[in-house]
Amino acid sequence: MLRFIAACLILTPAATALAQGQDGTPGERNLQVMAELLSGIYDNANQAYFDGRLKYPDDRRQDRTHVTIEAVADVNPGSPSFSFTLTRQASATPDERELWLLETDADPLLVRMKRHALRDGEAVYRDGCDVLWRRDAGQFTGTNESDQCAATMQLNPRALWIGTGRSTPAQLLRARAFSCYVDIPGVAGGRDEPFDRYQINDMHDQGALHWLETKGGRQLGITLRNVVWPMNNEVGAFTRNSLVMYVLEKTEDGVKTHTYGWTEPHAERIGLNLQWMLVNCFMVSNRGVRPFFD
């Protein structure tokens, strides 16, 4: 009998842990997913370029816009918090800075995002400007229908779309972080030849552009863009997306494009060797990658 009671006591906690009736709401789950997705660097370099190439009217074109979203700890326990910074190309300082707090809503299908303006280091709640997010088939869609701060947003693993009052929203693609180095000259083939190396530690693949000055005084630029084609560039063909690297130079006559190369859009490294210079960009360096059998 004692053994039977002891067995029951041991099994009771396990039975309690497996009890039914612990279902949460869709909103609770969606909040968790959004909290994982939001942080990142976003840029609409792709959209801004193709808006011009497609010759859209001015009211449809989007200015180049860069957004950084970072998780902020301990703002409101239990409510994931994020700093939001938006900078347009012509601006020297951020155009918009906000604090976003995610909470569940009375509607079990929704996630409520409370927006606070960041002013002089203080977060000021924007009353009436909450954005309500709902899970759609392939993304989260957030809306605010008030007169003072109407907003439409979409979030998915690849992009953040923000309505700006124009006929089309800003399509901000999620950037991947790269590091690069430039060797001059571009030594290859195992030759024992001296070269100078220039390091770039904060590149990304949504139009980041970095200029460097060589020891010879040349102004060279390296840029990466993960190109998403909104149209085809050949009749009767389907143009595939590509990760593209450009090599530029500032000259007396303006900016010159020396060359560009491309690879698959999901590639984690890309390089060019023009002999007089070599460029290598990567998400993980050869010094950091784990060895593998090949």
C-alpha atoms as a PDB file:
ATOM      1  CA  MET A   1       0.000   0.000   0.000  1.00  0.00           C
ATOM      2  CA  LEU A   2       2.803   2.431   0.885  1.00  0.00           C
ATOM      3  CA  ARG A   3       4.456   1.706  -2.451  1.00  0.00           C
ATOM      4  CA  PHE A   4       1.173   2.421  -4.243  1.00  0.00           C
ATOM      5  CA  ILE A   5       0.732   5.782  -2.440  1.00  0.00           C
ATOM      6  CA  ALA A   6       4.338   6.730  -3.158  1.00  0.00           C
ATOM      7  CA  ALA A   7       3.837   5.890  -6.832  1.00  0.00           C
ATOM      8  CA  CYS A   8       0.731   8.078  -6.915  1.00  0.00           C
ATOM      9  CA  LEU A   9       2.592  10.975  -5.323  1.00  0.00           C
ATOM     10  CA  ILE A  10       5.374  10.673  -7.864  1.00  0.00           C
ATOM     11  CA  LEU A  11       2.997  10.513 -10.818  1.00  0.00           C
ATOM     12  CA  THR A  12       0.696  13.333  -9.696  1.00  0.00           C
ATOM     13  CA  PRO A  13       2.939  16.250 -10.810  1.00  0.00           C
ATOM     14  CA  ALA A  14       3.371  14.700 -14.249  1.00  0.00           C
ATOM     15  CA  ALA A  15      -0.369  14.264 -14.571  1.00  0.00           C
ATOM     16  CA  THR A  16      -0.882  17.918 -13.590  1.00  0.00           C
ATOM     17  CA  ALA A  17       1.669  19.085 -16.179  1.00  0.00           C
ATOM     18  CA  LEU A  18      -0.267  17.244 -18.883  1.00  0.00           C
ATOM     19  CA  ALA A  19      -3.636  18.693 -17.857  1.00  0.00           C
ATOM     20  CA  GLN A  20      -5.872  20.072 -20.600  1.00  0.00           C
ATOM     21  CA  GLY A  21      -7.387  23.534 -20.766  1.00  0.00           C
ATOM     22  CA  GLN A  22      -4.102  25.477 -21.102  1.00  0.00           C
ATOM     23  CA  ASP A  23      -4.743  26.783 -24.602  1.00  0.00           C
ATOM     24  CA  GLY A  24      -3.690  30.365 -25.208  1.00  0.00           C
ATOM     25  CA  THR A  25      -5.009  32.789 -27.820  1.00  0.00           C
ATOM     26  CA  PRO A  26      -3.792  33.344 -31.394  1.00  0.00           C
ATOM     27  CA  GLY A  27      -2.803  36.852 -30.330  1.00  0.00           C
ATOM     28  CA  GLU A  28      -0.472  35.508 -27.628  1.00  0.00           C
ATOM     29  CA  ARG A  29       1.288  33.263 -30.112  1.00  0.00           C
ATOM     30  CA  ASN A  30       1.445  35.984 -32.773  1.00  0.00           C
ATOM     31  CA  LEU A  31       3.013  38.372 -30.256  1.00  0.00           C
ATOM     32  CA  GLN A  32       5.809  35.856 -29.669  1.00  0.00           C
ATOM     33  CA  VAL A  33       6.462  35.509 -33.398  1.00  0.00           C
ATOM     34  CA  MET A  34       6.408  39.274 -33.977  1.00  0.00           C
ATOM     35  CA  ALA A  35       8.835  39.790 -31.105  1.00  0.00           C
ATOM     36  CA  GLU A  36      11.279  37.500 -32.933  1.00  0.00           C
ATOM     37  CA  LEU A  37      10.721  39.066 -36.365  1.00  0.00           C
ATOM     38  CA  LEU A  38      10.782  42.804 -35.671  1.00  0.00           C
ATOM     39  CA  SER A  39      14.425  43.469 -34.821  1.00  0.00           C
ATOM     40  CA  GLY A  40      16.626  44.189 -37.807  1.00  0.00           C
ATOM     41  CA  ILE A  41      17.909  46.626 -40.404  1.00  0.00           C
ATOM     42  CA  TYR A  42      15.512  47.472 -43.237  1.00  0.00           C
ATOM     43  CA  ASP A  43      16.073  49.541 -46.376  1.00  0.00           C
ATOM     44  CA  ASN A  44      14.093  50.318 -49.522  1.00  0.00           C
ATOM     45  CA  ALA A  45      17.115  50.880 -51.806  1.00  0.00           C
ATOM     46  CA  ASN A  46      15.678  48.298 -54.197  1.00  0.00           C
ATOM     47  CA  GLN A  47      12.312  50.045 -54.399  1.00  0.00           C
ATOM     48  CA  ALA A  48      13.803  53.541 -54.734  1.00  0.00           C
ATOM     49  CA  TYR A  49      15.992  52.418 -57.642  1.00  0.00           C
ATOM     50  CA  PHE A  50      13.242  50.640 -59.567  1.00  0.00           C
ATOM     51  CA  ASP A  51      10.699  53.430 -58.975  1.00  0.00           C
ATOM     52  CA  GLY A  52      12.996  55.597 -61.084  1.00  0.00           C
ATOM     53  CA  ARG A  53      13.780  52.921 -63.640  1.00  0.00           C
ATOM     54  CA  LEU A  54      10.062  52.256 -64.126  1.00  0.00           C
ATOM     55  CA  LYS A  55       9.470  56.023 -64.505  1.00  0.00           C
ATOM     56  CA  TYR A  56       6.703  56.131 -61.915  1.00  0.00           C
ATOM     57  CA  PRO A  57       5.083  59.552 -61.317  1.00  0.00           C
ATOM     58  CA  ASP A  58       6.449  61.527 -58.376  1.00  0.00           C
ATOM     59  CA  ASP A  59       3.454  60.836 -56.128  1.00  0.00           C
ATOM     60  CA  ARG A  60       4.108  57.107 -56.436  1.00  0.00           C
ATOM     61  CA  ARG A  61       7.883  57.144 -55.991  1.00  0.00           C
ATOM     62  CA  GLN A  62       9.380  56.427 -52.586  1.00  0.00           C
ATOM     63  CA  ASP A  63      12.372  58.288 -51.178  1.00  0.00           C
ATOM     64  CA  ARG A  64      15.301  56.149 -50.074  1.00  0.00           C
ATOM     65  CA  THR A  65      14.453  55.169 -46.496  1.00  0.00           C
ATOM     66  CA  HIS A  66      16.473  53.297 -43.871  1.00  0.00           C
ATOM     67  CA  VAL A  67      14.939  51.787 -40.735  1.00  0.00           C
ATOM     68  CA  THR A  68      16.599  50.229 -37.692  1.00  0.00           C
ATOM     69  CA  ILE A  69      14.538  48.306 -35.116  1.00  0.00           C
ATOM     70  CA  GLU A  70      16.254  47.108 -31.938  1.00  0.00           C
ATOM     71  CA  ALA A  71      14.945  45.227 -28.927  1.00  0.00           C
ATOM     72  CA  VAL A  72      14.888  47.294 -25.719  1.00  0.00           C
ATOM     73  CA  ALA A  73      15.070  45.466 -22.399  1.00  0.00           C
ATOM     74  CA  ASP A  74      13.049  46.128 -19.222  1.00  0.00           C
ATOM     75  CA  VAL A  75      10.860  48.955 -20.515  1.00  0.00           C
ATOM     76  CA  ASN A  76       7.660  47.198 -19.503  1.00  0.00           C
ATOM     77  CA  PRO A  77       8.085  43.628 -18.159  1.00  0.00           C
ATOM     78  CA  GLY A  78       5.996  41.182 -20.153  1.00  0.00           C
ATOM     79  CA  SER A  79       5.626  43.569 -23.084  1.00  0.00           C
ATOM     80  CA  PRO A  80       8.378  43.187 -25.713  1.00  0.00           C
ATOM     81  CA  SER A  81       9.744  46.638 -26.524  1.00  0.00           C
ATOM     82  CA  PHE A  82      11.604  47.997 -29.535  1.00  0.00           C
ATOM     83  CA  SER A  83      13.259  51.238 -30.595  1.00  0.00           C
ATOM     84  CA  PHE A  84      12.261  52.338 -34.101  1.00  0.00           C
ATOM     85  CA  THR A  85      14.465  54.757 -36.067  1.00  0.00           C
ATOM     86  CA  LEU A  86      13.616  55.941 -39.593  1.00  0.00           C
ATOM     87  CA  THR A  87      16.016  58.032 -41.681  1.00  0.00           C
ATOM     88  CA  ARG A  88      15.430  59.312 -45.198  1.00  0.00           C
ATOM     89  CA  GLN A  89      18.305  59.714 -47.623  1.00  0.00           C
ATOM     90  CA  ALA A  90      18.388  63.500 -47.599  1.00  0.00           C
ATOM     91  CA  SER A  91      18.424  63.696 -43.786  1.00  0.00           C
ATOM     92  CA  ALA A  92      21.529  64.018 -41.645  1.00  0.00           C
ATOM     93  CA  THR A  93      19.604  62.905 -38.541  1.00  0.00           C
ATOM     94  CA  PRO A  94      16.688  60.481 -37.995  1.00  0.00           C
ATOM     95  CA  ASP A  95      13.309  61.708 -39.243  1.00  0.00           C
ATOM     96  CA  GLU A  96      11.306  59.511 -36.851  1.00  0.00           C
ATOM     97  CA  ARG A  97      12.191  57.889 -33.536  1.00  0.00           C
ATOM     98  CA  GLU A  98       9.684  55.850 -31.558  1.00  0.00           C
ATOM     99  CA  LEU A  99       9.419  53.209 -28.865  1.00  0.00           C
ATOM    100  CA  TRP A 100       7.091  50.321 -29.718  1.00  0.00           C
ATOM    101  CA  LEU A 101       5.535  48.086 -27.047  1.00  0.00           C
ATOM    102  CA  LEU A 102       3.759  44.860 -28.010  1.00  0.00           C
ATOM    103  CA  GLU A 103       0.821  43.668 -25.902  1.00  0.00           C
ATOM    104  CA  THR A 104      -2.073  41.269 -26.254  1.00  0.00           C
ATOM    105  CA  ASP A 105      -5.435  42.847 -26.991  1.00  0.00           C
ATOM    106  CA  ALA A 106      -8.983  42.318 -25.736  1.00  0.00           C
ATOM    107  CA  ASP A 107      -9.608  40.789 -29.164  1.00  0.00           C
ATOM    108  CA  PRO A 108      -7.877  37.362 -28.892  1.00  0.00           C
ATOM    109  CA  LEU A 109      -6.831  37.518 -32.559  1.00  0.00           C
ATOM    110  CA  LEU A 110      -4.922  40.790 -32.310  1.00  0.00           C
ATOM    111  CA  VAL A 111      -1.601  42.168 -31.075  1.00  0.00           C
ATOM    112  CA  ARG A 112      -1.647  45.802 -29.909  1.00  0.00           C
ATOM    113  CA  MET A 113       1.445  47.898 -30.577  1.00  0.00           C
ATOM    114  CA  LYS A 114       1.636  51.016 -28.392  1.00  0.00           C
ATOM    115  CA  ARG A 115       3.674  53.806 -29.974  1.00  0.00           C
ATOM    116  CA  HIS A 116       5.714  56.317 -27.977  1.00  0.00           C
ATOM    117  CA  ALA A 117       7.536  59.290 -29.500  1.00  0.00           C
ATOM    118  CA  LEU A 118      11.152  59.559 -28.300  1.00  0.00           C
ATOM    119  CA  ARG A 119      11.924  63.169 -27.457  1.00  0.00           C
ATOM    120  CA  ASP A 120      15.075  64.270 -25.636  1.00  0.00           C
ATOM    121  CA  GLY A 121      15.508  60.807 -24.199  1.00  0.00           C
ATOM    122  CA  GLU A 122      11.904  60.606 -22.945  1.00  0.00           C
ATOM    123  CA  ALA A 123       9.207  58.275 -24.303  1.00  0.00           C
ATOM    124  CA  VAL A 124       5.890  60.107 -24.768  1.00  0.00           C
ATOM    125  CA  TYR A 125       2.847  57.916 -25.386  1.00  0.00           C
ATOM    126  CA  ARG A 126       1.027  58.748 -28.615  1.00  0.00           C
ATOM    127  CA  ASP A 127      -2.572  58.477 -27.490  1.00  0.00           C
ATOM    128  CA  GLY A 128      -4.844  57.100 -30.197  1.00  0.00           C
ATOM    129  CA  CYS A 129      -1.925  55.910 -32.357  1.00  0.00           C
ATOM    130  CA  ASP A 130      -1.839  52.229 -31.354  1.00  0.00           C
ATOM    131  CA  VAL A 131      -1.402  49.849 -34.273  1.00  0.00           C
ATOM    132  CA  LEU A 132      -3.460  46.642 -34.211  1.00  0.00           C
ATOM    133  CA  TRP A 133      -1.741  43.673 -35.835  1.00  0.00           C
ATOM    134  CA  ARG A 134      -3.477  40.630 -37.304  1.00  0.00           C
ATOM    135  CA  ARG A 135      -1.938  37.479 -38.774  1.00  0.00           C
ATOM    136  CA  ASP A 136      -2.765  37.059 -42.469  1.00  0.00           C
ATOM    137  CA  ALA A 137      -1.797  34.170 -44.708  1.00  0.00           C
ATOM    138  CA  GLY A 138       1.758  35.283 -45.429  1.00  0.00           C
ATOM    139  CA  GLN A 139       2.407  38.225 -43.120  1.00  0.00           C
ATOM    140  CA  PHE A 140       1.260  40.289 -40.179  1.00  0.00           C
ATOM    141  CA  THR A 141      -0.807  43.347 -41.107  1.00  0.00           C
ATOM    142  CA  GLY A 142      -1.021  46.334 -38.751  1.00  0.00           C
ATOM    143  CA  THR A 143      -3.488  49.196 -39.037  1.00  0.00           C
ATOM    144  CA  ASN A 144      -4.512  52.405 -37.324  1.00  0.00           C
ATOM    145  CA  GLU A 145      -7.548  54.143 -38.777  1.00  0.00           C
ATOM    146  CA  SER A 146      -7.540  57.340 -36.727  1.00  0.00           C
ATOM    147  CA  ASP A 147      -7.406  60.747 -38.397  1.00  0.00           C
ATOM    148  CA  GLN A 148      -4.290  61.946 -36.549  1.00  0.00           C
ATOM    149  CA  CYS A 149      -1.999  58.968 -37.151  1.00  0.00           C
ATOM    150  CA  ALA A 150      -3.489  56.567 -39.695  1.00  0.00           C
ATOM    151  CA  ALA A 151      -1.022  53.814 -40.508  1.00  0.00           C
ATOM    152  CA  THR A 152      -0.761  50.616 -42.481  1.00  0.00           C
ATOM    153  CA  MET A 153       2.123  48.199 -41.972  1.00  0.00           C
ATOM    154  CA  GLN A 154       3.022  44.689 -43.036  1.00  0.00           C
ATOM    155  CA  LEU A 155       5.687  42.447 -41.519  1.00  0.00           C
ATOM    156  CA  ASN A 156       7.053  39.155 -42.810  1.00  0.00           C
ATOM    157  CA  PRO A 157      10.433  37.391 -42.544  1.00  0.00           C
ATOM    158  CA  ARG A 158      11.790  39.287 -45.566  1.00  0.00           C
ATOM    159  CA  ALA A 159      10.381  42.798 -45.290  1.00  0.00           C
ATOM    160  CA  LEU A 160       8.588  45.548 -43.413  1.00  0.00           C
ATOM    161  CA  TRP A 161       6.098  47.638 -45.404  1.00  0.00           C
ATOM    162  CA  ILE A 162       5.068  51.042 -44.060  1.00  0.00           C
ATOM    163  CA  GLY A 163       2.315  53.193 -45.527  1.00  0.00           C
ATOM    164  CA  THR A 164       3.475  56.802 -45.793  1.00  0.00           C
ATOM    165  CA  GLY A 165       0.404  58.506 -47.233  1.00  0.00           C
ATOM    166  CA  ARG A 166       1.523  57.966 -50.820  1.00  0.00           C
ATOM    167  CA  SER A 167      -0.272  55.682 -53.253  1.00  0.00           C
ATOM    168  CA  THR A 168       2.241  52.900 -52.522  1.00  0.00           C
ATOM    169  CA  PRO A 169       3.888  51.927 -49.215  1.00  0.00           C
ATOM    170  CA  ALA A 170       7.621  51.932 -48.532  1.00  0.00           C
ATOM    171  CA  GLN A 171       8.925  48.420 -49.169  1.00  0.00           C
ATOM    172  CA  LEU A 172      11.727  48.034 -46.649  1.00  0.00           C
ATOM    173  CA  LEU A 173      13.603  44.791 -47.254  1.00  0.00           C
ATOM    174  CA  ARG A 174      15.360  43.101 -44.352  1.00  0.00           C
ATOM    175  CA  ALA A 175      19.128  43.497 -44.632  1.00  0.00           C
ATOM    176  CA  ARG A 176      21.765  40.879 -43.908  1.00  0.00           C
ATOM    177  CA  ALA A 177      24.996  41.995 -42.240  1.00  0.00           C
ATOM    178  CA  PHE A 178      28.262  41.527 -44.142  1.00  0.00           C
ATOM    179  CA  SER A 179      31.913  42.348 -43.591  1.00  0.00           C
ATOM    180  CA  CYS A 180      34.294  43.044 -46.472  1.00  0.00           C
ATOM    181  CA  TYR A 181      37.924  43.631 -47.232  1.00  0.00           C
ATOM    182  CA  VAL A 182      39.585  45.267 -50.222  1.00  0.00           C
ATOM    183  CA  ASP A 183      43.112  44.230 -51.248  1.00  0.00           C
ATOM    184  CA  ILE A 184      45.194  46.454 -53.547  1.00  0.00           C
ATOM    185  CA  PRO A 185      46.548  45.002 -55.752  1.00  0.00           C
ATOM    186  CA  GLY A 186      44.351  41.921 -56.079  1.00  0.00           C
ATOM    187  CA  VAL A 187      46.906  39.194 -55.455  1.00  0.00           C
ATOM    188  CA  ALA A 188      45.822  35.772 -56.703  1.00  0.00           C
ATOM    189  CA  GLY A 189      47.205  32.372 -57.618  1.00  0.00           C
ATOM    190  CA  GLY A 190      49.360  32.090 -54.512  1.00  0.00           C
ATOM    191  CA  ARG A 191      51.764  34.813 -55.666  1.00  0.00           C
ATOM    192  CA  ASP A 192      54.069  36.204 -52.991  1.00  0.00           C
ATOM    193  CA  GLU A 193      53.338  39.866 -53.633  1.00  0.00           C
ATOM    194  CA  PRO A 194      52.810  42.715 -51.118  1.00  0.00           C
ATOM    195  CA  PHE A 195      49.360  44.326 -50.913  1.00  0.00           C
ATOM    196  CA  ASP A 196      47.412  46.762 -48.754  1.00  0.00           C
ATOM    197  CA  ARG A 197      44.199  45.612 -47.078  1.00  0.00           C
ATOM    198  CA  TYR A 198      41.255  47.899 -46.271  1.00  0.00           C
ATOM    199  CA  GLN A 199      38.605  46.585 -43.872  1.00  0.00           C
ATOM    200  CA  ILE A 200      34.841  47.259 -43.984  1.00  0.00           C
ATOM    201  CA  ASN A 201      33.052  45.915 -40.902  1.00  0.00           C
ATOM    202  CA  ASP A 202      29.511  47.283 -41.217  1.00  0.00           C
ATOM    203  CA  MET A 203      28.248  46.426 -44.706  1.00  0.00           C
ATOM    204  CA  HIS A 204      24.748  45.142 -45.458  1.00  0.00           C
ATOM    205  CA  ASP A 205      23.098  43.816 -48.614  1.00  0.00           C
ATOM    206  CA  GLN A 206      20.312  46.395 -49.020  1.00  0.00           C
ATOM    207  CA  GLY A 207      22.282  49.158 -50.659  1.00  0.00           C
ATOM    208  CA  ALA A 208      24.964  49.933 -48.079  1.00  0.00           C
ATOM    209  CA  LEU A 209      27.712  52.022 -49.704  1.00  0.00           C
ATOM    210  CA  HIS A 210      31.167  52.412 -48.180  1.00  0.00           C
ATOM    211  CA  TRP A 211      33.912  54.687 -49.490  1.00  0.00           C
ATOM    212  CA  LEU A 212      37.601  54.201 -48.748  1.00  0.00           C
ATOM    213  CA  GLU A 213      40.691  56.183 -49.661  1.00  0.00           C
ATOM    214  CA  THR A 214      43.640  54.172 -50.869  1.00  0.00           C
ATOM    215  CA  LYS A 215      47.254  54.976 -50.047  1.00  0.00           C
ATOM    216  CA  GLY A 216      47.482  56.303 -53.580  1.00  0.00           C
ATOM    217  CA  GLY A 217      44.655  58.759 -52.911  1.00  0.00           C
ATOM    218  CA  ARG A 218      41.923  57.044 -54.924  1.00  0.00           C
ATOM    219  CA  GLN A 219      38.325  57.184 -53.602  1.00  0.00           C
ATOM    220  CA  LEU A 220      36.807  53.721 -54.088  1.00  0.00           C
ATOM    221  CA  GLY A 221      33.269  52.671 -53.189  1.00  0.00           C
ATOM    222  CA  ILE A 222      31.846  49.207 -52.515  1.00  0.00           C
ATOM    223  CA  THR A 223      28.128  48.544 -52.377  1.00  0.00           C
ATOM    224  CA  LEU A 224      25.949  45.443 -52.047  1.00  0.00           C
ATOM    225  CA  ARG A 225      22.316  45.137 -53.058  1.00  0.00           C
ATOM    226  CA  ASN A 226      20.076  42.106 -52.957  1.00  0.00           C
ATOM    227  CA  VAL A 227      18.112  42.881 -56.096  1.00  0.00           C
ATOM    228  CA  VAL A 228      14.419  41.937 -56.208  1.00  0.00           C
ATOM    229  CA  TRP A 229      13.121  42.504 -59.724  1.00  0.00           C
ATOM    230  CA  PRO A 230       9.609  44.023 -59.994  1.00  0.00           C
ATOM    231  CA  MET A 231       9.691  43.426 -63.767  1.00  0.00           C
ATOM    232  CA  ASN A 232      11.767  41.419 -66.275  1.00  0.00           C
ATOM    233  CA  ASN A 233      14.706  42.954 -68.143  1.00  0.00           C
ATOM    234  CA  GLU A 234      14.296  40.757 -71.221  1.00  0.00           C
ATOM    235  CA  VAL A 235      11.171  40.087 -73.263  1.00  0.00           C
ATOM    236  CA  GLY A 236       9.976  36.510 -72.940  1.00  0.00           C
ATOM    237  CA  ALA A 237      12.331  35.714 -70.049  1.00  0.00           C
ATOM    238  CA  PHE A 238      11.938  35.610 -66.271  1.00  0.00           C
ATOM    239  CA  THR A 239      14.636  37.664 -64.543  1.00  0.00           C
ATOM    240  CA  ARG A 240      15.885  36.001 -61.376  1.00  0.00           C
ATOM    241  CA  ASN A 241      16.793  37.926 -58.222  1.00  0.00           C
ATOM    242  CA  SER A 242      20.497  38.311 -57.439  1.00  0.00           C
ATOM    243  CA  LEU A 243      22.963  39.488 -54.802  1.00  0.00           C
ATOM    244  CA  VAL A 244      25.026  42.154 -56.600  1.00  0.00           C
ATOM    245  CA  MET A 245      28.341  43.799 -55.723  1.00  0.00           C
ATOM    246  CA  TYR A 246      29.385  47.108 -57.332  1.00  0.00           C
ATOM    247  CA  VAL A 247      32.845  48.719 -57.442  1.00  0.00           C
ATOM    248  CA  LEU A 248      32.729  52.514 -57.831  1.00  0.00           C
ATOM    249  CA  GLU A 249      35.249  55.358 -57.886  1.00  0.00           C
ATOM    250  CA  LYS A 250      34.953  59.102 -57.361  1.00  0.00           C
ATOM    251  CA  THR A 251      36.716  60.962 -60.162  1.00  0.00           C
ATOM    252  CA  GLU A 252      36.878  64.553 -61.382  1.00  0.00           C
ATOM    253  CA  ASP A 253      34.068  63.694 -63.799  1.00  0.00           C
ATOM    254  CA  GLY A 254      31.798  62.205 -61.118  1.00  0.00           C
ATOM    255  CA  VAL A 255      31.200  58.672 -59.853  1.00  0.00           C
ATOM    256  CA  LYS A 256      32.404  55.919 -62.190  1.00  0.00           C
ATOM    257  CA  THR A 257      31.243  52.293 -62.054  1.00  0.00           C
ATOM    258  CA  HIS A 258      34.249  50.036 -62.655  1.00  0.00           C
ATOM    259  CA  THR A 259      32.355  46.749 -62.642  1.00  0.00           C
ATOM    260  CA  TYR A 260      29.746  44.663 -60.909  1.00  0.00           C
ATOM    261  CA  GLY A 261      29.162  40.965 -60.340  1.00  0.00           C
ATOM    262  CA  TRP A 262      26.295  38.872 -59.049  1.00  0.00           C
ATOM    263  CA  THR A 263      25.410  35.545 -57.502  1.00  0.00           C
ATOM    264  CA  GLU A 264      22.414  33.752 -55.982  1.00  0.00           C
ATOM    265  CA  PRO A 265      20.366  36.033 -53.671  1.00  0.00           C
ATOM    266  CA  HIS A 266      20.799  33.726 -50.659  1.00  0.00           C
ATOM    267  CA  ALA A 267      24.582  33.494 -51.033  1.00  0.00           C
ATOM    268  CA  GLU A 268      26.534  34.313 -47.880  1.00  0.00           C
ATOM    269  CA  ARG A 269      29.659  35.551 -49.666  1.00  0.00           C
ATOM    270  CA  ILE A 270      30.567  37.307 -52.902  1.00  0.00           C
ATOM    271  CA  GLY A 271      33.866  38.494 -54.350  1.00  0.00           C
ATOM    272  CA  LEU A 272      35.562  40.122 -57.334  1.00  0.00           C
ATOM    273  CA  ASN A 273      39.195  40.230 -58.406  1.00  0.00           C
ATOM    274  CA  LEU A 274      40.061  42.904 -60.963  1.00  0.00           C
ATOM    275  CA  GLN A 275      43.794  42.210 -60.556  1.00  0.00           C
ATOM    276  CA  TRP A 276      44.489  45.811 -59.544  1.00  0.00           C
ATOM    277  CA  MET A 277      42.066  45.282 -56.654  1.00  0.00           C
ATOM    278  CA  LEU A 278      40.249  42.404 -54.949  1.00  0.00           C
ATOM    279  CA  VAL A 279      36.990  42.679 -52.973  1.00  0.00           C
ATOM    280  CA  ASN A 280      35.642  39.946 -50.702  1.00  0.00           C
ATOM    281  CA  CYS A 281      32.370  40.313 -48.736  1.00  0.00           C
ATOM    282  CA  PHE A 282      31.024  37.640 -46.407  1.00  0.00           C
ATOM    283  CA  MET A 283      28.593  36.960 -43.587  1.00  0.00           C
ATOM    284  CA  VAL A 284      31.068  34.605 -41.865  1.00  0.00           C
ATOM    285  CA  SER A 285      34.807  34.983 -42.380  1.00  0.00           C
ATOM    286  CA  ASN A 286      37.125  32.084 -43.135  1.00  0.00           C
ATOM    287  CA  ARG A 287      38.601  32.659 -39.682  1.00  0.00           C
ATOM    288  CA  GLY A 288      35.209  32.194 -38.051  1.00  0.00           C
ATOM    289  CA  VAL A 289      33.656  29.378 -40.071  1.00  0.00           C
ATOM    290  CA  ARG A 290      33.625  25.874 -38.599  1.00  0.00           C
ATOM    291  CA  PRO A 291      35.676  23.408 -40.662  1.00  0.00           C
ATOM    292  CA  PHE A 292      33.691  20.817 -42.578  1.00  0.00           C
ATOM    293  CA  PHE A 293      34.425  17.766 -44.712  1.00  0.00           C
ATOM    294  CA  ASP A 294      34.261  18.417 -48.450  1.00  0.00           C
END
